[in-house]
Amino acid sequence: MPLYEFRCPQCGCRFELLCSISQRDNAVCPKCAGKVERVYQGKCAFGAIKGASGCGGNCSGCPGCGSRT
């Protein structure tokens, strides 16, 4: 099972959770039981797609990994 990192927009709690892909969409905050958002970390793999120009490090307009910095 993968380890996911989440953040709660209600109370700001950040936590990691070892869960299946089907369970990650139902994760809740351990402090306030609010709905949480996944935190995306790591390198952008968008540049690995044939014909793509690669990752420039600015994810604000990149559709590759979904991360917004």
N, C-alpha and C. Protein backbone atom coordinates (compact mmCIF):
# COMPACT_ATOMS: atom_id res chain seq x y z
N MET A 1 0.84 -1.19 0.00
CA MET A 1 0.00 0.00 0.00
C MET A 1 0.89 1.25 0.00
N PRO A 2 0.48 2.26 -0.74
CA PRO A 2 1.27 3.50 -0.78
C PRO A 2 1.03 4.39 0.45
N LEU A 3 2.01 5.23 0.71
CA LEU A 3 1.93 6.21 1.78
C LEU A 3 1.57 7.55 1.16
N TYR A 4 0.48 8.14 1.61
CA TYR A 4 0.02 9.43 1.07
C TYR A 4 0.15 10.49 2.14
N GLU A 5 0.39 11.72 1.71
CA GLU A 5 0.41 12.86 2.63
C GLU A 5 -0.83 13.70 2.37
N PHE A 6 -1.45 14.13 3.46
CA PHE A 6 -2.68 14.91 3.38
C PHE A 6 -2.54 16.19 4.19
N ARG A 7 -3.39 17.17 3.86
CA ARG A 7 -3.50 18.42 4.62
C ARG A 7 -4.96 18.75 4.78
N CYS A 8 -5.31 19.18 5.98
CA CYS A 8 -6.69 19.57 6.25
C CYS A 8 -6.83 21.08 6.06
N PRO A 9 -7.68 21.53 5.14
CA PRO A 9 -7.85 22.97 4.93
C PRO A 9 -8.59 23.65 6.08
N GLN A 10 -9.28 22.87 6.91
CA GLN A 10 -10.04 23.46 8.03
C GLN A 10 -9.16 23.79 9.22
N CYS A 11 -8.29 22.84 9.63
CA CYS A 11 -7.47 23.08 10.82
C CYS A 11 -5.98 23.15 10.53
N GLY A 12 -5.55 22.85 9.28
CA GLY A 12 -4.15 22.94 8.91
C GLY A 12 -3.31 21.72 9.25
N CYS A 13 -3.91 20.70 9.80
CA CYS A 13 -3.18 19.48 10.17
C CYS A 13 -2.61 18.81 8.92
N ARG A 14 -1.34 18.41 9.00
CA ARG A 14 -0.70 17.63 7.92
C ARG A 14 -0.37 16.27 8.50
N PHE A 15 -0.65 15.23 7.74
CA PHE A 15 -0.39 13.88 8.23
C PHE A 15 -0.18 12.94 7.06
N GLU A 16 0.43 11.80 7.36
CA GLU A 16 0.64 10.75 6.36
C GLU A 16 -0.27 9.58 6.70
N LEU A 17 -0.71 8.87 5.66
CA LEU A 17 -1.61 7.75 5.86
C LEU A 17 -1.23 6.64 4.90
N LEU A 18 -1.04 5.46 5.42
CA LEU A 18 -0.77 4.28 4.63
C LEU A 18 -2.12 3.66 4.30
N CYS A 19 -2.52 3.74 3.02
CA CYS A 19 -3.84 3.26 2.65
C CYS A 19 -3.88 2.87 1.18
N SER A 20 -4.91 2.14 0.82
CA SER A 20 -5.08 1.74 -0.58
C SER A 20 -5.59 2.94 -1.39
N ILE A 21 -5.52 2.80 -2.69
CA ILE A 21 -5.98 3.87 -3.57
C ILE A 21 -7.47 4.13 -3.35
N SER A 22 -8.24 3.09 -3.14
CA SER A 22 -9.68 3.28 -2.94
C SER A 22 -9.99 3.96 -1.60
N GLN A 23 -9.11 3.79 -0.61
CA GLN A 23 -9.33 4.40 0.70
C GLN A 23 -8.87 5.85 0.76
N ARG A 24 -7.95 6.25 -0.11
CA ARG A 24 -7.39 7.60 -0.02
C ARG A 24 -8.43 8.68 -0.28
N ASP A 25 -9.42 8.42 -1.10
CA ASP A 25 -10.44 9.42 -1.41
C ASP A 25 -11.42 9.63 -0.25
N ASN A 26 -11.39 8.75 0.73
CA ASN A 26 -12.28 8.87 1.89
C ASN A 26 -11.53 9.25 3.16
N ALA A 27 -10.28 9.69 3.04
CA ALA A 27 -9.47 10.06 4.20
C ALA A 27 -10.06 11.29 4.88
N VAL A 28 -9.99 11.29 6.20
CA VAL A 28 -10.46 12.44 6.99
C VAL A 28 -9.35 12.85 7.96
N CYS A 29 -9.41 14.06 8.42
CA CYS A 29 -8.43 14.62 9.34
C CYS A 29 -8.52 13.91 10.69
N PRO A 30 -7.38 13.49 11.24
CA PRO A 30 -7.40 12.82 12.54
C PRO A 30 -7.71 13.77 13.71
N LYS A 31 -7.57 15.08 13.49
CA LYS A 31 -7.83 16.05 14.57
C LYS A 31 -9.28 16.55 14.57
N CYS A 32 -9.80 16.90 13.38
CA CYS A 32 -11.13 17.51 13.35
C CYS A 32 -12.14 16.72 12.52
N ALA A 33 -11.70 15.62 11.91
CA ALA A 33 -12.55 14.75 11.07
C ALA A 33 -13.07 15.46 9.82
N GLY A 34 -12.39 16.54 9.42
CA GLY A 34 -12.77 17.26 8.21
C GLY A 34 -12.24 16.58 6.95
N LYS A 35 -12.78 16.99 5.81
CA LYS A 35 -12.33 16.47 4.52
C LYS A 35 -10.93 17.02 4.25
N VAL A 36 -10.04 16.17 3.74
CA VAL A 36 -8.64 16.56 3.55
C VAL A 36 -8.27 16.60 2.07
N GLU A 37 -7.14 17.26 1.78
CA GLU A 37 -6.59 17.34 0.43
C GLU A 37 -5.28 16.59 0.41
N ARG A 38 -4.99 15.92 -0.70
CA ARG A 38 -3.69 15.27 -0.85
C ARG A 38 -2.62 16.31 -1.11
N VAL A 39 -1.45 16.08 -0.54
CA VAL A 39 -0.29 16.93 -0.77
C VAL A 39 0.59 16.20 -1.77
N TYR A 40 0.88 16.84 -2.88
CA TYR A 40 1.70 16.22 -3.92
C TYR A 40 3.13 16.66 -3.74
N GLN A 41 4.04 15.69 -3.71
CA GLN A 41 5.46 15.99 -3.58
C GLN A 41 6.22 15.16 -4.58
N GLY A 42 7.42 15.55 -4.83
CA GLY A 42 8.26 14.77 -5.73
C GLY A 42 8.46 15.48 -7.05
N LYS A 43 9.10 14.79 -7.94
CA LYS A 43 9.41 15.36 -9.25
C LYS A 43 8.24 15.18 -10.20
N CYS A 44 8.14 16.10 -11.09
CA CYS A 44 7.12 16.05 -12.13
C CYS A 44 7.54 15.06 -13.20
N ALA A 45 6.69 14.12 -13.52
CA ALA A 45 7.00 13.11 -14.53
C ALA A 45 6.46 13.51 -15.90
N PHE A 46 5.90 14.70 -16.02
CA PHE A 46 5.30 15.14 -17.26
C PHE A 46 6.33 15.18 -18.39
N GLY A 47 7.57 15.51 -18.05
CA GLY A 47 8.63 15.58 -19.05
C GLY A 47 8.99 14.23 -19.64
N ALA A 48 8.57 13.15 -18.99
CA ALA A 48 8.88 11.81 -19.47
C ALA A 48 7.98 11.40 -20.64
N ILE A 49 6.91 12.16 -20.86
CA ILE A 49 5.99 11.86 -21.96
C ILE A 49 6.65 12.26 -23.26
N LYS A 50 6.60 11.38 -24.24
CA LYS A 50 7.25 11.62 -25.52
C LYS A 50 6.72 12.92 -26.15
N GLY A 51 7.63 13.78 -26.52
CA GLY A 51 7.27 15.03 -27.16
C GLY A 51 7.10 16.19 -26.20
N ALA A 52 7.08 15.91 -24.90
CA ALA A 52 6.93 16.99 -23.92
C ALA A 52 8.28 17.68 -23.73
N SER A 53 8.23 18.94 -23.38
CA SER A 53 9.46 19.70 -23.23
C SER A 53 10.15 19.46 -21.89
N GLY A 54 9.48 18.83 -20.95
CA GLY A 54 10.09 18.55 -19.64
C GLY A 54 9.61 19.51 -18.59
N CYS A 55 10.01 19.24 -17.39
CA CYS A 55 9.58 20.05 -16.25
C CYS A 55 10.51 21.24 -16.09
N GLY A 56 9.92 22.40 -16.02
CA GLY A 56 10.70 23.61 -15.83
C GLY A 56 10.74 24.06 -14.38
N GLY A 57 10.09 23.30 -13.48
CA GLY A 57 10.09 23.64 -12.08
C GLY A 57 8.97 24.58 -11.66
N ASN A 58 8.23 25.13 -12.61
CA ASN A 58 7.12 26.02 -12.30
C ASN A 58 5.83 25.27 -12.58
N CYS A 59 5.20 24.78 -11.55
CA CYS A 59 4.02 23.93 -11.71
C CYS A 59 2.71 24.71 -11.81
N SER A 60 2.75 26.03 -11.77
CA SER A 60 1.51 26.81 -11.75
C SER A 60 0.63 26.59 -12.95
N GLY A 61 1.20 26.26 -14.09
CA GLY A 61 0.38 26.03 -15.28
C GLY A 61 0.58 24.66 -15.87
N CYS A 62 1.26 23.79 -15.16
CA CYS A 62 1.60 22.47 -15.68
C CYS A 62 0.47 21.46 -15.43
N PRO A 63 -0.02 20.80 -16.45
CA PRO A 63 -1.04 19.78 -16.25
C PRO A 63 -0.46 18.42 -15.91
N GLY A 64 0.86 18.31 -15.83
CA GLY A 64 1.52 17.02 -15.68
C GLY A 64 1.22 16.29 -14.39
N CYS A 65 1.52 16.87 -13.25
CA CYS A 65 1.38 16.14 -12.00
C CYS A 65 0.22 16.66 -11.16
N GLY A 66 -0.37 17.76 -11.51
CA GLY A 66 -1.49 18.28 -10.73
C GLY A 66 -1.07 19.14 -9.55
N SER A 67 0.22 19.26 -9.32
CA SER A 67 0.71 20.04 -8.19
C SER A 67 0.66 21.52 -8.53
N ARG A 68 0.25 22.31 -7.59
CA ARG A 68 0.23 23.76 -7.76
C ARG A 68 1.07 24.36 -6.65
N THR A 69 2.13 25.06 -7.01
CA THR A 69 3.00 25.65 -5.99
C THR A 69 2.68 27.09 -5.79
